[in-house]
């Protein structure tokens, strides 16, 4: 049972990683959510004994290799986000659907702000508000996924 769930987790992480590697361009690239981080957050909340902060760190390292930027920036951002996801994981079952969405958008913003701070320290110019659009599309994608049957924290469909 646990072996098959572990395979499901790693298959979903691989699928999310492949979605990030697709040739996005233009406005689609601007609004593309961080699929890998969304899947990591889902499994951190759903199965914290099988997907943990170490998994987030390793996925971040793979993302760093794929992006080719500063090595370790995604690993740090995913690890910090995973820490906050695990910290409130048990309380999430008490949250309403709207509160869960606010929680998810805050987690996505934590990751983006961590990446932004690292990029500014490395000499990148300050960027506009469109930098945070992936958090908005990420939470919309989360809502659609929950509506179509994925449950978070024991909630039923459509919460």
N, C-alpha and C. Protein backbone atom coordinates (compact mmCIF):
# COMPACT_ATOMS: atom_id res chain seq x y z
N UNK A 1 0.83 -1.20 0.00
CA UNK A 1 0.00 0.00 0.00
C UNK A 1 0.87 1.25 0.00
N UNK A 2 1.82 1.31 0.93
CA UNK A 2 2.68 2.47 1.03
C UNK A 2 3.60 2.57 -0.20
N UNK A 3 4.01 1.42 -0.72
CA UNK A 3 4.87 1.40 -1.90
C UNK A 3 4.15 1.98 -3.11
N UNK A 4 2.88 1.64 -3.28
CA UNK A 4 2.13 2.18 -4.43
C UNK A 4 1.86 3.67 -4.27
N UNK A 5 1.63 4.12 -3.04
CA UNK A 5 1.42 5.55 -2.81
C UNK A 5 2.71 6.32 -3.07
N UNK A 6 3.84 5.73 -2.71
CA UNK A 6 5.13 6.36 -2.97
C UNK A 6 5.37 6.49 -4.48
N UNK A 7 4.98 5.47 -5.23
CA UNK A 7 5.10 5.54 -6.69
C UNK A 7 4.20 6.63 -7.25
N UNK A 8 3.00 6.76 -6.70
CA UNK A 8 2.09 7.80 -7.14
C UNK A 8 2.67 9.19 -6.87
N UNK A 9 3.27 9.36 -5.70
CA UNK A 9 3.87 10.65 -5.35
C UNK A 9 4.99 11.00 -6.32
N UNK A 10 5.89 10.07 -6.56
CA UNK A 10 7.02 10.37 -7.43
C UNK A 10 6.59 10.52 -8.89
N UNK A 11 5.57 9.79 -9.30
CA UNK A 11 5.06 9.96 -10.67
C UNK A 11 4.42 11.34 -10.83
N UNK A 12 3.68 11.79 -9.83
CA UNK A 12 3.06 13.11 -9.92
C UNK A 12 4.12 14.21 -9.88
N UNK A 13 5.18 14.03 -9.09
CA UNK A 13 6.28 15.00 -9.08
C UNK A 13 6.99 15.05 -10.43
N UNK A 14 7.20 13.89 -11.04
CA UNK A 14 7.83 13.84 -12.36
C UNK A 14 6.95 14.50 -13.42
N UNK A 15 5.64 14.27 -13.34
CA UNK A 15 4.72 14.89 -14.29
C UNK A 15 4.72 16.41 -14.15
N UNK A 16 4.72 16.89 -12.90
CA UNK A 16 4.77 18.35 -12.67
C UNK A 16 6.08 18.93 -13.17
N UNK A 17 7.17 18.22 -12.99
CA UNK A 17 8.48 18.68 -13.46
C UNK A 17 8.48 18.77 -14.99
N UNK A 18 7.89 17.79 -15.64
CA UNK A 18 7.81 17.80 -17.10
C UNK A 18 6.95 18.97 -17.58
N UNK A 19 5.86 19.27 -16.85
CA UNK A 19 5.01 20.42 -17.21
C UNK A 19 5.80 21.72 -17.14
N UNK A 20 6.72 21.82 -16.20
CA UNK A 20 7.55 23.03 -16.12
C UNK A 20 8.57 23.10 -17.25
N UNK A 21 8.97 21.96 -17.77
CA UNK A 21 9.97 21.93 -18.84
C UNK A 21 9.38 22.12 -20.23
N UNK A 22 8.06 22.14 -20.34
CA UNK A 22 7.44 22.37 -21.64
C UNK A 22 7.86 23.74 -22.17
N UNK A 23 7.86 23.91 -23.48
CA UNK A 23 8.32 25.19 -24.05
C UNK A 23 7.28 26.31 -23.92
N UNK A 24 7.18 26.89 -22.76
CA UNK A 24 6.26 28.00 -22.51
C UNK A 24 6.87 29.26 -23.10
N UNK A 25 6.03 30.16 -23.60
CA UNK A 25 6.55 31.43 -24.12
C UNK A 25 5.48 32.51 -23.99
N UNK A 26 5.91 33.74 -24.06
CA UNK A 26 5.00 34.87 -24.03
C UNK A 26 4.24 34.99 -22.73
N UNK A 27 2.95 35.31 -22.85
CA UNK A 27 2.11 35.53 -21.69
C UNK A 27 1.91 34.24 -20.90
N UNK A 28 1.89 33.11 -21.59
CA UNK A 28 1.74 31.81 -20.90
C UNK A 28 2.91 31.58 -19.95
N UNK A 29 4.10 32.00 -20.34
CA UNK A 29 5.26 31.87 -19.46
C UNK A 29 5.13 32.80 -18.26
N UNK A 30 4.55 33.96 -18.47
CA UNK A 30 4.37 34.93 -17.37
C UNK A 30 3.40 34.40 -16.31
N UNK A 31 2.34 33.72 -16.74
CA UNK A 31 1.33 33.27 -15.78
C UNK A 31 1.48 31.80 -15.39
N UNK A 32 2.48 31.11 -15.92
CA UNK A 32 2.67 29.68 -15.63
C UNK A 32 2.87 29.46 -14.14
N UNK A 33 2.01 28.64 -13.52
CA UNK A 33 2.21 28.36 -12.10
C UNK A 33 3.38 27.41 -11.89
N UNK A 34 3.88 27.37 -10.69
CA UNK A 34 4.96 26.46 -10.35
C UNK A 34 4.34 25.10 -10.04
N UNK A 35 4.15 24.30 -11.09
CA UNK A 35 3.48 23.01 -10.97
C UNK A 35 4.17 22.12 -9.94
N UNK A 36 5.49 22.12 -9.96
CA UNK A 36 6.24 21.26 -9.05
C UNK A 36 5.99 21.65 -7.60
N UNK A 37 5.99 22.92 -7.31
CA UNK A 37 5.73 23.36 -5.94
C UNK A 37 4.30 23.05 -5.52
N UNK A 38 3.35 23.18 -6.42
CA UNK A 38 1.96 22.85 -6.09
C UNK A 38 1.82 21.37 -5.73
N UNK A 39 2.48 20.51 -6.49
CA UNK A 39 2.41 19.08 -6.21
C UNK A 39 3.12 18.76 -4.89
N UNK A 40 4.24 19.42 -4.64
CA UNK A 40 4.95 19.22 -3.37
C UNK A 40 4.07 19.65 -2.21
N UNK A 41 3.43 20.80 -2.31
CA UNK A 41 2.55 21.27 -1.23
C UNK A 41 1.40 20.29 -1.02
N UNK A 42 0.82 19.81 -2.12
CA UNK A 42 -0.28 18.85 -2.00
C UNK A 42 0.15 17.62 -1.22
N UNK A 43 1.30 17.04 -1.60
CA UNK A 43 1.74 15.81 -0.93
C UNK A 43 2.27 16.08 0.47
N UNK A 44 2.80 17.26 0.72
CA UNK A 44 3.22 17.60 2.09
C UNK A 44 2.01 17.65 3.02
N UNK A 45 0.91 18.14 2.50
CA UNK A 45 -0.31 18.22 3.31
C UNK A 45 -0.99 16.86 3.38
N UNK A 46 -1.03 16.16 2.28
CA UNK A 46 -1.77 14.89 2.18
C UNK A 46 -1.03 13.71 2.79
N UNK A 47 0.26 13.61 2.56
CA UNK A 47 1.05 12.46 3.04
C UNK A 47 2.41 12.93 3.54
N UNK A 48 2.45 13.62 4.69
CA UNK A 48 3.72 14.16 5.17
C UNK A 48 4.73 13.09 5.58
N UNK A 49 4.28 11.87 5.80
CA UNK A 49 5.22 10.81 6.14
C UNK A 49 5.94 10.26 4.91
N UNK A 50 5.41 10.52 3.72
CA UNK A 50 6.04 10.03 2.49
C UNK A 50 6.72 11.15 1.70
N UNK A 51 6.21 12.35 1.78
CA UNK A 51 6.79 13.51 1.10
C UNK A 51 7.10 14.54 2.18
N UNK A 52 8.37 14.87 2.33
CA UNK A 52 8.76 15.75 3.43
C UNK A 52 9.61 16.91 2.91
N UNK A 53 10.21 17.63 3.82
CA UNK A 53 11.02 18.79 3.45
C UNK A 53 12.23 18.36 2.62
N UNK A 54 12.76 17.20 2.87
CA UNK A 54 13.87 16.68 2.07
C UNK A 54 13.48 16.45 0.63
N UNK A 55 12.26 15.99 0.41
CA UNK A 55 11.76 15.82 -0.95
C UNK A 55 11.66 17.17 -1.65
N UNK A 56 11.18 18.18 -0.91
CA UNK A 56 11.09 19.53 -1.47
C UNK A 56 12.47 20.06 -1.83
N UNK A 57 13.44 19.81 -0.96
CA UNK A 57 14.81 20.28 -1.22
C UNK A 57 15.38 19.61 -2.48
N UNK A 58 15.19 18.30 -2.59
CA UNK A 58 15.71 17.57 -3.75
C UNK A 58 15.02 18.02 -5.04
N UNK A 59 13.70 18.23 -4.98
CA UNK A 59 12.97 18.72 -6.16
C UNK A 59 13.46 20.12 -6.52
N UNK A 60 13.76 20.94 -5.52
CA UNK A 60 14.31 22.26 -5.78
C UNK A 60 15.66 22.21 -6.46
N UNK A 61 16.50 21.26 -6.07
CA UNK A 61 17.79 21.09 -6.74
C UNK A 61 17.61 20.69 -8.20
N UNK A 62 16.65 19.80 -8.47
CA UNK A 62 16.37 19.43 -9.86
C UNK A 62 15.87 20.63 -10.65
N UNK A 63 15.06 21.44 -10.00
CA UNK A 63 14.55 22.65 -10.66
C UNK A 63 15.70 23.63 -10.94
N UNK A 64 16.63 23.74 -10.00
CA UNK A 64 17.80 24.59 -10.22
C UNK A 64 18.60 24.13 -11.43
N UNK A 65 18.77 22.83 -11.57
CA UNK A 65 19.50 22.30 -12.72
C UNK A 65 18.75 22.56 -14.03
N UNK A 66 17.43 22.48 -13.99
CA UNK A 66 16.64 22.69 -15.20
C UNK A 66 16.62 24.15 -15.62
N UNK A 67 16.54 25.06 -14.64
CA UNK A 67 16.45 26.48 -14.95
C UNK A 67 17.81 27.05 -15.33
N UNK A 68 18.84 26.62 -14.64
CA UNK A 68 20.18 27.09 -14.95
C UNK A 68 20.53 28.42 -14.34
N UNK A 69 19.80 28.84 -13.32
CA UNK A 69 20.11 30.10 -12.64
C UNK A 69 21.10 29.86 -11.52
N UNK A 70 20.90 30.59 -10.45
CA UNK A 70 21.75 30.43 -9.27
C UNK A 70 21.46 29.07 -8.65
N UNK A 71 22.50 28.28 -8.49
CA UNK A 71 22.29 26.93 -7.96
C UNK A 71 21.90 27.00 -6.48
N UNK A 72 20.78 26.42 -6.16
CA UNK A 72 20.30 26.37 -4.79
C UNK A 72 19.15 27.31 -4.49
N UNK A 73 18.80 28.20 -5.43
CA UNK A 73 17.74 29.16 -5.15
C UNK A 73 16.38 28.48 -5.04
N UNK A 74 16.08 27.58 -5.95
CA UNK A 74 14.80 26.87 -5.86
C UNK A 74 14.81 25.88 -4.71
N UNK A 75 15.96 25.28 -4.44
CA UNK A 75 16.06 24.37 -3.30
C UNK A 75 15.74 25.10 -2.00
N UNK A 76 16.28 26.29 -1.84
CA UNK A 76 16.00 27.08 -0.64
C UNK A 76 14.53 27.51 -0.60
N UNK A 77 14.02 28.01 -1.72
CA UNK A 77 12.63 28.48 -1.75
C UNK A 77 11.65 27.34 -1.48
N UNK A 78 11.88 26.18 -2.07
CA UNK A 78 11.00 25.03 -1.84
C UNK A 78 11.10 24.54 -0.41
N UNK A 79 12.31 24.57 0.16
CA UNK A 79 12.49 24.11 1.54
C UNK A 79 11.79 25.04 2.53
N UNK A 80 11.94 26.34 2.34
CA UNK A 80 11.27 27.29 3.23
C UNK A 80 9.75 27.14 3.12
N UNK A 81 9.26 27.02 1.90
CA UNK A 81 7.83 26.84 1.69
C UNK A 81 7.34 25.53 2.30
N UNK A 82 8.12 24.47 2.14
CA UNK A 82 7.74 23.18 2.71
C UNK A 82 7.70 23.24 4.23
N UNK A 83 8.61 23.98 4.82
CA UNK A 83 8.61 24.14 6.27
C UNK A 83 7.30 24.75 6.75
N UNK A 84 6.86 25.83 6.10
CA UNK A 84 5.61 26.46 6.50
C UNK A 84 4.40 25.59 6.17
N UNK A 85 4.49 24.80 5.10
CA UNK A 85 3.39 23.90 4.77
C UNK A 85 3.24 22.81 5.83
N UNK A 86 4.36 22.28 6.28
CA UNK A 86 4.32 21.22 7.30
C UNK A 86 3.92 21.78 8.65
N UNK A 87 4.32 23.01 8.92
CA UNK A 87 4.05 23.60 10.22
C UNK A 87 2.55 23.72 10.51
N UNK A 88 1.76 24.01 9.49
CA UNK A 88 0.32 24.18 9.68
C UNK A 88 -0.49 23.03 9.08
N UNK A 89 0.17 21.94 8.75
CA UNK A 89 -0.49 20.83 8.05
C UNK A 89 -1.64 20.24 8.86
N UNK A 90 -1.48 20.05 10.15
CA UNK A 90 -2.54 19.44 10.95
C UNK A 90 -3.73 20.36 11.17
N UNK A 91 -3.50 21.65 11.13
CA UNK A 91 -4.60 22.61 11.33
C UNK A 91 -5.42 22.81 10.06
N UNK A 92 -4.88 22.38 8.93
CA UNK A 92 -5.55 22.63 7.66
C UNK A 92 -6.91 21.95 7.56
N UNK A 93 -7.10 20.84 8.25
CA UNK A 93 -8.39 20.15 8.19
C UNK A 93 -9.49 20.99 8.82
N UNK A 94 -9.14 21.94 9.67
CA UNK A 94 -10.13 22.80 10.31
C UNK A 94 -10.47 24.02 9.47
N UNK A 95 -9.69 24.26 8.42
CA UNK A 95 -9.90 25.44 7.58
C UNK A 95 -11.06 25.20 6.61
N UNK A 96 -11.79 26.27 6.30
CA UNK A 96 -12.81 26.20 5.25
C UNK A 96 -12.09 26.22 3.89
N UNK A 97 -12.87 26.06 2.83
CA UNK A 97 -12.27 26.06 1.50
C UNK A 97 -11.58 27.37 1.17
N UNK A 98 -12.18 28.48 1.57
CA UNK A 98 -11.58 29.79 1.31
C UNK A 98 -10.31 29.97 2.12
N UNK A 99 -10.32 29.53 3.37
CA UNK A 99 -9.12 29.64 4.20
C UNK A 99 -7.99 28.78 3.64
N UNK A 100 -8.33 27.62 3.09
CA UNK A 100 -7.31 26.77 2.47
C UNK A 100 -6.69 27.46 1.26
N UNK A 101 -7.53 28.15 0.47
CA UNK A 101 -7.00 28.86 -0.70
C UNK A 101 -6.07 30.00 -0.28
N UNK A 102 -6.43 30.71 0.77
CA UNK A 102 -5.56 31.78 1.28
C UNK A 102 -4.23 31.19 1.76
N UNK A 103 -4.30 30.04 2.44
CA UNK A 103 -3.10 29.36 2.91
C UNK A 103 -2.20 28.96 1.74
N UNK A 104 -2.79 28.43 0.69
CA UNK A 104 -2.02 27.99 -0.47
C UNK A 104 -1.39 29.20 -1.18
N UNK A 105 -2.15 30.29 -1.34
CA UNK A 105 -1.56 31.45 -2.01
C UNK A 105 -0.44 32.05 -1.16
N UNK A 106 -0.57 31.99 0.16
CA UNK A 106 0.53 32.48 1.01
C UNK A 106 1.77 31.60 0.86
N UNK A 107 1.58 30.29 0.76
CA UNK A 107 2.73 29.40 0.55
C UNK A 107 3.40 29.69 -0.79
N UNK A 108 2.61 29.90 -1.83
CA UNK A 108 3.19 30.21 -3.13
C UNK A 108 3.91 31.55 -3.12
N UNK A 109 3.35 32.51 -2.40
CA UNK A 109 4.02 33.82 -2.28
C UNK A 109 5.31 33.73 -1.48
N UNK A 110 5.34 32.88 -0.46
CA UNK A 110 6.59 32.67 0.31
C UNK A 110 7.69 32.20 -0.62
N UNK A 111 7.37 31.27 -1.48
CA UNK A 111 8.37 30.76 -2.43
C UNK A 111 8.82 31.86 -3.39
N UNK A 112 7.87 32.61 -3.93
CA UNK A 112 8.24 33.64 -4.89
C UNK A 112 9.02 34.78 -4.24
N UNK A 113 8.67 35.14 -3.02
CA UNK A 113 9.40 36.21 -2.34
C UNK A 113 10.81 35.75 -2.00
N UNK A 114 10.97 34.49 -1.60
CA UNK A 114 12.31 33.96 -1.34
C UNK A 114 13.15 34.01 -2.61
N UNK A 115 12.57 33.59 -3.73
CA UNK A 115 13.30 33.65 -4.99
C UNK A 115 13.61 35.09 -5.39
N UNK A 116 12.67 35.99 -5.17
CA UNK A 116 12.89 37.39 -5.51
C UNK A 116 14.03 38.00 -4.70
N UNK A 117 14.08 37.70 -3.41
CA UNK A 117 15.16 38.22 -2.56
C UNK A 117 16.51 37.70 -3.05
N UNK A 118 16.56 36.41 -3.36
CA UNK A 118 17.82 35.84 -3.86
C UNK A 118 18.22 36.46 -5.20
N UNK A 119 17.25 36.70 -6.07
CA UNK A 119 17.57 37.29 -7.36
C UNK A 119 18.03 38.74 -7.22
N UNK A 120 17.43 39.48 -6.30
CA UNK A 120 17.86 40.87 -6.08
C UNK A 120 19.28 40.91 -5.52
N UNK A 121 19.59 40.00 -4.59
CA UNK A 121 20.94 39.95 -4.05
C UNK A 121 21.97 39.56 -5.10
N UNK A 122 21.55 38.84 -6.11
CA UNK A 122 22.49 38.44 -7.16
C UNK A 122 22.63 39.50 -8.25
N UNK A 123 21.91 40.63 -8.11
CA UNK A 123 22.10 41.73 -9.04
C UNK A 123 21.01 41.91 -10.07
N UNK A 124 19.93 41.17 -9.97
CA UNK A 124 18.83 41.31 -10.92
C UNK A 124 18.07 42.61 -10.66
N UNK A 125 17.60 43.22 -11.70
CA UNK A 125 16.81 44.44 -11.57
C UNK A 125 15.47 44.12 -10.92
N UNK A 126 14.89 45.10 -10.25
CA UNK A 126 13.58 44.92 -9.65
C UNK A 126 12.55 44.71 -10.76
N UNK A 127 11.63 43.80 -10.53
CA UNK A 127 10.64 43.49 -11.55
C UNK A 127 9.26 43.93 -11.11
N UNK A 128 8.32 43.95 -12.01
CA UNK A 128 6.98 44.47 -11.74
C UNK A 128 6.07 43.47 -11.05
N UNK A 129 4.81 43.90 -10.95
CA UNK A 129 3.81 43.10 -10.24
C UNK A 129 3.48 41.81 -10.97
N UNK A 130 3.78 41.72 -12.26
CA UNK A 130 3.47 40.50 -13.01
C UNK A 130 4.30 39.31 -12.53
N UNK A 131 5.35 39.58 -11.77
CA UNK A 131 6.16 38.50 -11.21
C UNK A 131 5.32 37.60 -10.31
N UNK A 132 4.28 38.16 -9.68
CA UNK A 132 3.47 37.40 -8.73
C UNK A 132 2.23 36.76 -9.37
N UNK A 133 2.05 36.88 -10.67
CA UNK A 133 0.92 36.23 -11.35
C UNK A 133 0.92 34.71 -11.24
N UNK A 134 2.07 34.03 -11.23
CA UNK A 134 2.03 32.59 -11.07
C UNK A 134 1.40 32.13 -9.75
N UNK A 135 1.46 32.95 -8.71
CA UNK A 135 0.79 32.58 -7.47
C UNK A 135 -0.73 32.60 -7.64
N UNK A 136 -1.20 33.57 -8.39
CA UNK A 136 -2.64 33.66 -8.65
C UNK A 136 -3.12 32.48 -9.49
N UNK A 137 -2.40 32.19 -10.56
CA UNK A 137 -2.79 31.06 -11.40
C UNK A 137 -2.59 29.74 -10.67
N UNK A 138 -1.61 29.69 -9.79
CA UNK A 138 -1.40 28.48 -8.99
C UNK A 138 -2.55 28.19 -8.06
N UNK A 139 -3.07 29.23 -7.41
CA UNK A 139 -4.19 29.02 -6.49
C UNK A 139 -5.47 28.71 -7.28
N UNK A 140 -5.61 29.28 -8.47
CA UNK A 140 -6.75 28.91 -9.32
C UNK A 140 -6.67 27.46 -9.75
N UNK A 141 -5.48 27.02 -10.11
CA UNK A 141 -5.28 25.61 -10.47
C UNK A 141 -5.55 24.70 -9.28
N UNK A 142 -5.15 25.14 -8.09
CA UNK A 142 -5.41 24.38 -6.87
C UNK A 142 -6.92 24.23 -6.66
N UNK A 143 -7.64 25.32 -6.84
CA UNK A 143 -9.09 25.31 -6.64
C UNK A 143 -9.77 24.37 -7.63
N UNK A 144 -9.33 24.39 -8.88
CA UNK A 144 -9.90 23.50 -9.89
C UNK A 144 -9.61 22.04 -9.53
N UNK A 145 -8.38 21.77 -9.08
CA UNK A 145 -8.02 20.40 -8.70
C UNK A 145 -8.85 19.91 -7.53
N UNK A 146 -9.08 20.77 -6.55
CA UNK A 146 -9.89 20.38 -5.40
C UNK A 146 -11.34 20.18 -5.82
N UNK A 147 -11.83 21.02 -6.73
CA UNK A 147 -13.20 20.89 -7.20
C UNK A 147 -13.43 19.57 -7.91
N UNK A 148 -12.43 19.11 -8.67
CA UNK A 148 -12.59 17.88 -9.44
C UNK A 148 -12.22 16.62 -8.67
N UNK A 149 -12.20 16.70 -7.37
CA UNK A 149 -12.12 15.48 -6.60
C UNK A 149 -10.91 15.27 -5.74
N UNK A 150 -9.86 16.02 -5.93
CA UNK A 150 -8.72 15.88 -5.04
C UNK A 150 -9.09 16.50 -3.71
N UNK A 151 -8.85 15.80 -2.63
CA UNK A 151 -9.19 16.34 -1.33
C UNK A 151 -7.93 16.71 -0.58
N UNK A 152 -8.06 17.70 0.27
CA UNK A 152 -6.95 18.15 1.10
C UNK A 152 -7.38 18.05 2.54
N UNK A 153 -6.62 17.32 3.32
CA UNK A 153 -6.90 17.26 4.74
C UNK A 153 -8.21 16.60 5.10
N UNK A 154 -8.68 15.67 4.27
CA UNK A 154 -9.90 14.95 4.61
C UNK A 154 -11.17 15.66 4.20
N UNK A 155 -11.09 16.81 3.59
CA UNK A 155 -12.29 17.52 3.15
C UNK A 155 -12.91 16.79 1.97
N UNK A 156 -14.19 17.01 1.77
CA UNK A 156 -14.86 16.37 0.67
C UNK A 156 -14.75 17.20 -0.58
N UNK A 157 -15.29 16.69 -1.65
CA UNK A 157 -15.20 17.32 -2.95
C UNK A 157 -15.85 18.69 -2.95
N UNK A 158 -15.16 19.66 -3.57
CA UNK A 158 -15.71 20.98 -3.79
C UNK A 158 -15.64 21.91 -2.60
N UNK A 159 -14.79 21.64 -1.61
CA UNK A 159 -14.71 22.53 -0.47
C UNK A 159 -13.91 23.75 -0.79
